[in-house]
Amino acid sequence: MAATSRNNRELMQKCQKKLNSGENIDPVERLRLQCLSRGASGIKGLGRSFRIMDDDSDRSLSISEFKKGLHDYGVDVEGNVAQEIFSRIDKDGSGQLSFDEFLMALRPPMNKNRKGLIIQAFRKLDKTGDGVVTVEDLQGVYNVKKHKKYISGEWTEDQCLKEFLDSFDTPNEKDGQVTEEEFINYYSGVSASIDNDAYFHLMMTNAWKL
């Protein structure tokens, strides 16, 4: 259901290779590649970093917050390049960048069918319809009976479900819940690792029984 380790490895290698190619890469594309060179969850992780910084919860960033967020996440972007990215995405010129504007610009291009499958899967998981998936939502949707630690008796069902949920959460910042935005950000990375539409469709429909 998450990216396979092979998909992840291939995505990271592909992005790193392009970054090291010496090509003249568009600044937004370079930032996207830097995130995805960390794996399928790279863009989701950057989105989470920005949300944690958003102390006043207005879901927007100033240029100084934007630069700090990139630095804290550990992506290498020079100040003038960060300014260029910010200005390009801040289409209304307000001097504030909304999370939605930023993440939509940063996600790898996805066709309508792929995005539709991702949203369909999230809504199937979100049994309560509150826009957040928790361990409670997963009960009865994700079957842990074949999990090796459940079979051995080492883990309870809830522990297996928590591990599964963590695969969509952000490393080192796991809060035990995944929003629709994080789910789409995660799967935009998975989508970037799979070139074939038919394979992506098969993977999603089989994984989530859509």
C-alpha atoms as a PDB file:
ATOM      1  CA  MET A   1       0.000   0.000   0.000  1.00  0.00           C
ATOM      2  CA  ALA A   2       2.960   2.233   0.667  1.00  0.00           C
ATOM      3  CA  ALA A   3       5.735   2.523  -1.907  1.00  0.00           C
ATOM      4  CA  THR A   4       7.707  -0.701  -2.130  1.00  0.00           C
ATOM      5  CA  SER A   5      11.339  -0.453  -1.052  1.00  0.00           C
ATOM      6  CA  ARG A   6      12.305  -1.073  -4.672  1.00  0.00           C
ATOM      7  CA  ASN A   7      10.036   1.751  -5.929  1.00  0.00           C
ATOM      8  CA  ASN A   8      11.471   4.035  -3.274  1.00  0.00           C
ATOM      9  CA  ARG A   9      15.054   3.133  -4.088  1.00  0.00           C
ATOM     10  CA  GLU A  10      14.510   3.650  -7.816  1.00  0.00           C
ATOM     11  CA  LEU A  11      12.798   6.997  -7.208  1.00  0.00           C
ATOM     12  CA  MET A  12      15.631   8.212  -4.963  1.00  0.00           C
ATOM     13  CA  GLN A  13      18.279   7.095  -7.475  1.00  0.00           C
ATOM     14  CA  LYS A  14      16.435   8.647 -10.429  1.00  0.00           C
ATOM     15  CA  CYS A  15      16.073  12.005  -8.657  1.00  0.00           C
ATOM     16  CA  GLN A  16      19.657  12.041  -7.368  1.00  0.00           C
ATOM     17  CA  LYS A  17      20.959  11.191 -10.833  1.00  0.00           C
ATOM     18  CA  LYS A  18      19.085  14.111 -12.358  1.00  0.00           C
ATOM     19  CA  LEU A  19      20.295  16.465  -9.611  1.00  0.00           C
ATOM     20  CA  ASN A  20      23.898  15.396 -10.280  1.00  0.00           C
ATOM     21  CA  SER A  21      23.581  15.569 -14.071  1.00  0.00           C
ATOM     22  CA  GLY A  22      24.763  19.151 -14.359  1.00  0.00           C
ATOM     23  CA  GLU A  23      21.626  20.044 -16.338  1.00  0.00           C
ATOM     24  CA  ASN A  24      20.112  23.485 -15.973  1.00  0.00           C
ATOM     25  CA  ILE A  25      17.067  22.499 -13.881  1.00  0.00           C
ATOM     26  CA  ASP A  26      14.130  24.773 -13.161  1.00  0.00           C
ATOM     27  CA  PRO A  27      14.293  25.902  -9.456  1.00  0.00           C
ATOM     28  CA  VAL A  28      10.859  24.480  -8.543  1.00  0.00           C
ATOM     29  CA  GLU A  29      11.726  21.184 -10.251  1.00  0.00           C
ATOM     30  CA  ARG A  30      15.085  21.127  -8.426  1.00  0.00           C
ATOM     31  CA  LEU A  31      13.340  21.541  -5.068  1.00  0.00           C
ATOM     32  CA  ARG A  32      10.893  18.770  -6.027  1.00  0.00           C
ATOM     33  CA  LEU A  33      13.800  16.480  -6.946  1.00  0.00           C
ATOM     34  CA  GLN A  34      15.593  17.267  -3.680  1.00  0.00           C
ATOM     35  CA  CYS A  35      12.485  16.242  -1.729  1.00  0.00           C
ATOM     36  CA  LEU A  36      11.860  13.082  -3.762  1.00  0.00           C
ATOM     37  CA  SER A  37      15.521  12.055  -3.511  1.00  0.00           C
ATOM     38  CA  ARG A  38      14.568  11.270   0.121  1.00  0.00           C
ATOM     39  CA  GLY A  39      11.899   8.848  -1.091  1.00  0.00           C
ATOM     40  CA  ALA A  40       8.155   8.902  -1.690  1.00  0.00           C
ATOM     41  CA  SER A  41       7.454  10.673   1.600  1.00  0.00           C
ATOM     42  CA  GLY A  42       9.834  13.568   0.869  1.00  0.00           C
ATOM     43  CA  ILE A  43       7.235  16.136  -0.205  1.00  0.00           C
ATOM     44  CA  LYS A  44       4.893  15.126   2.593  1.00  0.00           C
ATOM     45  CA  GLY A  45       7.740  15.618   5.060  1.00  0.00           C
ATOM     46  CA  LEU A  46       8.434  19.145   3.838  1.00  0.00           C
ATOM     47  CA  GLY A  47       4.720  19.965   4.064  1.00  0.00           C
ATOM     48  CA  ARG A  48       4.701  18.735   7.669  1.00  0.00           C
ATOM     49  CA  SER A  49       7.757  20.865   8.499  1.00  0.00           C
ATOM     50  CA  PHE A  50       5.994  23.970   7.275  1.00  0.00           C
ATOM     51  CA  ARG A  51       2.807  23.150   9.150  1.00  0.00           C
ATOM     52  CA  ILE A  52       4.736  22.735  12.416  1.00  0.00           C
ATOM     53  CA  MET A  53       6.282  26.184  11.849  1.00  0.00           C
ATOM     54  CA  ASP A  54       2.874  27.782  11.322  1.00  0.00           C
ATOM     55  CA  ASP A  55       2.463  29.035  14.889  1.00  0.00           C
ATOM     56  CA  ASP A  56      -0.566  31.237  14.173  1.00  0.00           C
ATOM     57  CA  SER A  57      -2.276  28.450  12.166  1.00  0.00           C
ATOM     58  CA  ASP A  58      -3.071  30.729   9.226  1.00  0.00           C
ATOM     59  CA  ARG A  59      -1.725  28.114   6.772  1.00  0.00           C
ATOM     60  CA  SER A  60       0.577  30.606   5.102  1.00  0.00           C
ATOM     61  CA  LEU A  61       4.273  31.473   5.133  1.00  0.00           C
ATOM     62  CA  SER A  62       6.273  34.670   4.745  1.00  0.00           C
ATOM     63  CA  ILE A  63       9.507  34.604   2.748  1.00  0.00           C
ATOM     64  CA  SER A  64      11.568  34.372   5.964  1.00  0.00           C
ATOM     65  CA  GLU A  65       9.447  31.447   7.241  1.00  0.00           C
ATOM     66  CA  PHE A  66       9.734  29.808   3.824  1.00  0.00           C
ATOM     67  CA  LYS A  67      13.541  30.032   3.868  1.00  0.00           C
ATOM     68  CA  LYS A  68      13.685  28.796   7.474  1.00  0.00           C
ATOM     69  CA  GLY A  69      11.387  25.857   6.642  1.00  0.00           C
ATOM     70  CA  LEU A  70      13.593  24.780   3.738  1.00  0.00           C
ATOM     71  CA  HIS A  71      16.710  25.092   5.910  1.00  0.00           C
ATOM     72  CA  ASP A  72      15.174  23.180   8.833  1.00  0.00           C
ATOM     73  CA  TYR A  73      14.103  20.370   6.510  1.00  0.00           C
ATOM     74  CA  GLY A  74      17.663  20.196   5.200  1.00  0.00           C
ATOM     75  CA  VAL A  75      17.072  20.961   1.525  1.00  0.00           C
ATOM     76  CA  ASP A  76      19.853  22.981  -0.050  1.00  0.00           C
ATOM     77  CA  VAL A  77      18.381  26.129  -1.626  1.00  0.00           C
ATOM     78  CA  GLU A  78      20.320  29.399  -1.909  1.00  0.00           C
ATOM     79  CA  GLY A  79      18.581  32.555  -0.674  1.00  0.00           C
ATOM     80  CA  ASN A  80      18.054  34.130  -4.100  1.00  0.00           C
ATOM     81  CA  VAL A  81      16.736  30.816  -5.493  1.00  0.00           C
ATOM     82  CA  ALA A  82      14.342  30.470  -2.537  1.00  0.00           C
ATOM     83  CA  GLN A  83      13.122  33.991  -3.305  1.00  0.00           C
ATOM     84  CA  GLU A  84      12.560  33.072  -6.961  1.00  0.00           C
ATOM     85  CA  ILE A  85      10.595  29.928  -6.024  1.00  0.00           C
ATOM     86  CA  PHE A  86       8.543  31.912  -3.502  1.00  0.00           C
ATOM     87  CA  SER A  87       7.726  34.679  -6.015  1.00  0.00           C
ATOM     88  CA  ARG A  88       6.726  32.211  -8.718  1.00  0.00           C
ATOM     89  CA  ILE A  89       4.345  30.300  -6.467  1.00  0.00           C
ATOM     90  CA  ASP A  90       2.945  33.441  -4.788  1.00  0.00           C
ATOM     91  CA  LYS A  91       0.795  34.166  -7.820  1.00  0.00           C
ATOM     92  CA  ASP A  92      -1.249  36.945  -6.218  1.00  0.00           C
ATOM     93  CA  GLY A  93       1.924  38.734  -5.034  1.00  0.00           C
ATOM     94  CA  SER A  94       0.629  38.980  -1.469  1.00  0.00           C
ATOM     95  CA  GLY A  95       4.010  38.222   0.113  1.00  0.00           C
ATOM     96  CA  GLN A  96       2.396  35.232   1.827  1.00  0.00           C
ATOM     97  CA  LEU A  97       2.527  31.714   0.456  1.00  0.00           C
ATOM     98  CA  SER A  98      -0.349  29.412   1.294  1.00  0.00           C
ATOM     99  CA  PHE A  99       0.435  25.764   2.023  1.00  0.00           C
ATOM    100  CA  ASP A 100      -2.010  24.752  -0.686  1.00  0.00           C
ATOM    101  CA  GLU A 101      -0.330  26.943  -3.328  1.00  0.00           C
ATOM    102  CA  PHE A 102       3.078  25.630  -2.363  1.00  0.00           C
ATOM    103  CA  LEU A 103       2.266  21.921  -2.158  1.00  0.00           C
ATOM    104  CA  MET A 104       0.224  21.938  -5.365  1.00  0.00           C
ATOM    105  CA  ALA A 105       3.191  23.501  -7.175  1.00  0.00           C
ATOM    106  CA  LEU A 106       5.670  21.076  -5.625  1.00  0.00           C
ATOM    107  CA  ARG A 107       3.789  17.803  -6.146  1.00  0.00           C
ATOM    108  CA  PRO A 108       4.948  15.878  -9.206  1.00  0.00           C
ATOM    109  CA  PRO A 109       2.396  16.184 -12.023  1.00  0.00           C
ATOM    110  CA  MET A 110      -0.397  13.622 -11.601  1.00  0.00           C
ATOM    111  CA  ASN A 111      -3.234  12.984 -13.985  1.00  0.00           C
ATOM    112  CA  LYS A 112      -6.864  13.221 -12.884  1.00  0.00           C
ATOM    113  CA  ASN A 113      -7.337   9.441 -12.709  1.00  0.00           C
ATOM    114  CA  ARG A 114      -4.401   8.902 -10.361  1.00  0.00           C
ATOM    115  CA  LYS A 115      -5.463  11.711  -8.041  1.00  0.00           C
ATOM    116  CA  GLY A 116      -9.037  10.395  -8.047  1.00  0.00           C
ATOM    117  CA  LEU A 117      -7.841   6.941  -6.929  1.00  0.00           C
ATOM    118  CA  ILE A 118      -5.786   8.461  -4.100  1.00  0.00           C
ATOM    119  CA  ILE A 119      -8.719  10.514  -2.798  1.00  0.00           C
ATOM    120  CA  GLN A 120     -11.026   7.497  -3.098  1.00  0.00           C
ATOM    121  CA  ALA A 121      -8.614   5.394  -1.021  1.00  0.00           C
ATOM    122  CA  PHE A 122      -8.317   8.077   1.665  1.00  0.00           C
ATOM    123  CA  ARG A 123     -12.072   8.475   1.971  1.00  0.00           C
ATOM    124  CA  LYS A 124     -12.497   4.728   2.302  1.00  0.00           C
ATOM    125  CA  LEU A 125     -10.019   4.786   5.200  1.00  0.00           C
ATOM    126  CA  ASP A 126     -11.542   7.870   6.830  1.00  0.00           C
ATOM    127  CA  LYS A 127     -14.572   6.055   8.248  1.00  0.00           C
ATOM    128  CA  THR A 128     -15.590   8.956  10.507  1.00  0.00           C
ATOM    129  CA  GLY A 129     -15.380  11.478   7.640  1.00  0.00           C
ATOM    130  CA  ASP A 130     -13.486  13.993   9.785  1.00  0.00           C
ATOM    131  CA  GLY A 131     -10.606  14.382   7.295  1.00  0.00           C
ATOM    132  CA  VAL A 132      -8.105  12.551   9.508  1.00  0.00           C
ATOM    133  CA  VAL A 133      -7.207   8.836   9.519  1.00  0.00           C
ATOM    134  CA  THR A 134      -6.333   7.282  12.892  1.00  0.00           C
ATOM    135  CA  VAL A 135      -5.774   3.754  14.187  1.00  0.00           C
ATOM    136  CA  GLU A 136      -9.490   3.606  15.028  1.00  0.00           C
ATOM    137  CA  ASP A 137     -10.365   4.320  11.373  1.00  0.00           C
ATOM    138  CA  LEU A 138      -8.147   1.453  10.218  1.00  0.00           C
ATOM    139  CA  GLN A 139      -9.854  -1.177  12.360  1.00  0.00           C
ATOM    140  CA  GLY A 140     -11.884  -3.426  10.074  1.00  0.00           C
ATOM    141  CA  VAL A 141     -10.403  -1.795   6.947  1.00  0.00           C
ATOM    142  CA  TYR A 142      -6.788  -2.989   7.152  1.00  0.00           C
ATOM    143  CA  ASN A 143      -6.365  -6.665   8.019  1.00  0.00           C
ATOM    144  CA  VAL A 144      -3.398  -7.411  10.303  1.00  0.00           C
ATOM    145  CA  LYS A 145      -3.979 -11.185  10.484  1.00  0.00           C
ATOM    146  CA  LYS A 146      -1.013 -11.907   8.158  1.00  0.00           C
ATOM    147  CA  HIS A 147       1.377  -9.505   9.900  1.00  0.00           C
ATOM    148  CA  LYS A 148       4.286 -11.647  11.148  1.00  0.00           C
ATOM    149  CA  LYS A 149       4.401  -9.948  14.560  1.00  0.00           C
ATOM    150  CA  TYR A 150       0.644 -10.391  15.010  1.00  0.00           C
ATOM    151  CA  ILE A 151       0.959 -14.100  14.105  1.00  0.00           C
ATOM    152  CA  SER A 152       3.833 -14.545  16.569  1.00  0.00           C
ATOM    153  CA  GLY A 153       1.905 -12.772  19.314  1.00  0.00           C
ATOM    154  CA  GLU A 154       4.560 -10.058  19.728  1.00  0.00           C
ATOM    155  CA  TRP A 155       2.194  -7.245  18.728  1.00  0.00           C
ATOM    156  CA  THR A 156      -1.485  -6.486  19.257  1.00  0.00           C
ATOM    157  CA  GLU A 157      -3.770  -5.460  16.390  1.00  0.00           C
ATOM    158  CA  ASP A 158      -3.422  -1.796  17.430  1.00  0.00           C
ATOM    159  CA  GLN A 159       0.383  -1.990  17.337  1.00  0.00           C
ATOM    160  CA  CYS A 160       0.262  -3.423  13.804  1.00  0.00           C
ATOM    161  CA  LEU A 161      -2.189  -0.720  12.714  1.00  0.00           C
ATOM    162  CA  LYS A 162       0.010   1.993  14.253  1.00  0.00           C
ATOM    163  CA  GLU A 163       3.040   0.701  12.318  1.00  0.00           C
ATOM    164  CA  PHE A 164       0.995   0.766   9.110  1.00  0.00           C
ATOM    165  CA  LEU A 165      -0.197   4.323   9.775  1.00  0.00           C
ATOM    166  CA  ASP A 166       3.381   5.429  10.511  1.00  0.00           C
ATOM    167  CA  SER A 167       4.369   4.537   6.932  1.00  0.00           C
ATOM    168  CA  PHE A 168       2.242   7.483   5.762  1.00  0.00           C
ATOM    169  CA  ASP A 169       3.312   9.770   8.584  1.00  0.00           C
ATOM    170  CA  THR A 170       6.433  11.915   8.630  1.00  0.00           C
ATOM    171  CA  PRO A 171       9.660  10.350   9.998  1.00  0.00           C
ATOM    172  CA  ASN A 172      10.621  11.724  13.448  1.00  0.00           C
ATOM    173  CA  GLU A 173       7.327  13.656  13.639  1.00  0.00           C
ATOM    174  CA  LYS A 174       4.743  10.898  13.847  1.00  0.00           C
ATOM    175  CA  ASP A 175       1.515  12.014  15.494  1.00  0.00           C
ATOM    176  CA  GLY A 176      -0.591   8.904  14.867  1.00  0.00           C
ATOM    177  CA  GLN A 177      -2.891  10.578  12.376  1.00  0.00           C
ATOM    178  CA  VAL A 178      -2.763  11.296   8.652  1.00  0.00           C
ATOM    179  CA  THR A 179      -4.674  14.080   6.905  1.00  0.00           C
ATOM    180  CA  GLU A 180      -5.973  13.933   3.330  1.00  0.00           C
ATOM    181  CA  GLU A 181      -3.295  16.462   2.365  1.00  0.00           C
ATOM    182  CA  GLU A 182      -0.526  14.248   3.805  1.00  0.00           C
ATOM    183  CA  PHE A 183      -2.012  11.187   2.097  1.00  0.00           C
ATOM    184  CA  ILE A 184      -2.054  12.962  -1.296  1.00  0.00           C
ATOM    185  CA  ASN A 185       1.463  14.338  -0.718  1.00  0.00           C
ATOM    186  CA  TYR A 186       2.699  10.841   0.117  1.00  0.00           C
ATOM    187  CA  TYR A 187       1.046   9.209  -2.886  1.00  0.00           C
ATOM    188  CA  SER A 188       2.248  11.955  -5.227  1.00  0.00           C
ATOM    189  CA  GLY A 189       5.714  10.640  -4.357  1.00  0.00           C
ATOM    190  CA  VAL A 190       4.614   7.034  -4.910  1.00  0.00           C
ATOM    191  CA  SER A 191       3.079   8.099  -8.235  1.00  0.00           C
ATOM    192  CA  ALA A 192       6.404   9.655  -9.283  1.00  0.00           C
ATOM    193  CA  SER A 193       8.057   6.263  -8.752  1.00  0.00           C
ATOM    194  CA  ILE A 194       5.613   4.475 -11.107  1.00  0.00           C
ATOM    195  CA  ASP A 195       5.622   5.449 -14.786  1.00  0.00           C
ATOM    196  CA  ASN A 196       2.847   3.137 -15.941  1.00  0.00           C
ATOM    197  CA  ASP A 197      -0.747   4.326 -15.325  1.00  0.00           C
ATOM    198  CA  ALA A 198      -2.158   0.808 -15.561  1.00  0.00           C
ATOM    199  CA  TYR A 199       0.271  -0.458 -12.908  1.00  0.00           C
ATOM    200  CA  PHE A 200      -0.559   2.465 -10.579  1.00  0.00           C
ATOM    201  CA  HIS A 201      -4.281   1.784 -11.025  1.00  0.00           C
ATOM    202  CA  LEU A 202      -3.782  -1.926 -10.326  1.00  0.00           C
ATOM    203  CA  MET A 203      -1.668  -1.213  -7.249  1.00  0.00           C
ATOM    204  CA  MET A 204      -4.224   1.187  -5.756  1.00  0.00           C
ATOM    205  CA  THR A 205      -7.317  -0.907  -6.505  1.00  0.00           C
ATOM    206  CA  ASN A 206      -5.704  -4.092  -5.155  1.00  0.00           C
ATOM    207  CA  ALA A 207      -4.228  -2.434  -2.090  1.00  0.00           C
ATOM    208  CA  TRP A 208      -7.371  -0.586  -1.034  1.00  0.00           C
ATOM    209  CA  LYS A 209     -10.000  -2.888  -2.634  1.00  0.00           C
ATOM    210  CA  LEU A 210     -11.494   0.071  -4.497  1.00  0.00           C
END
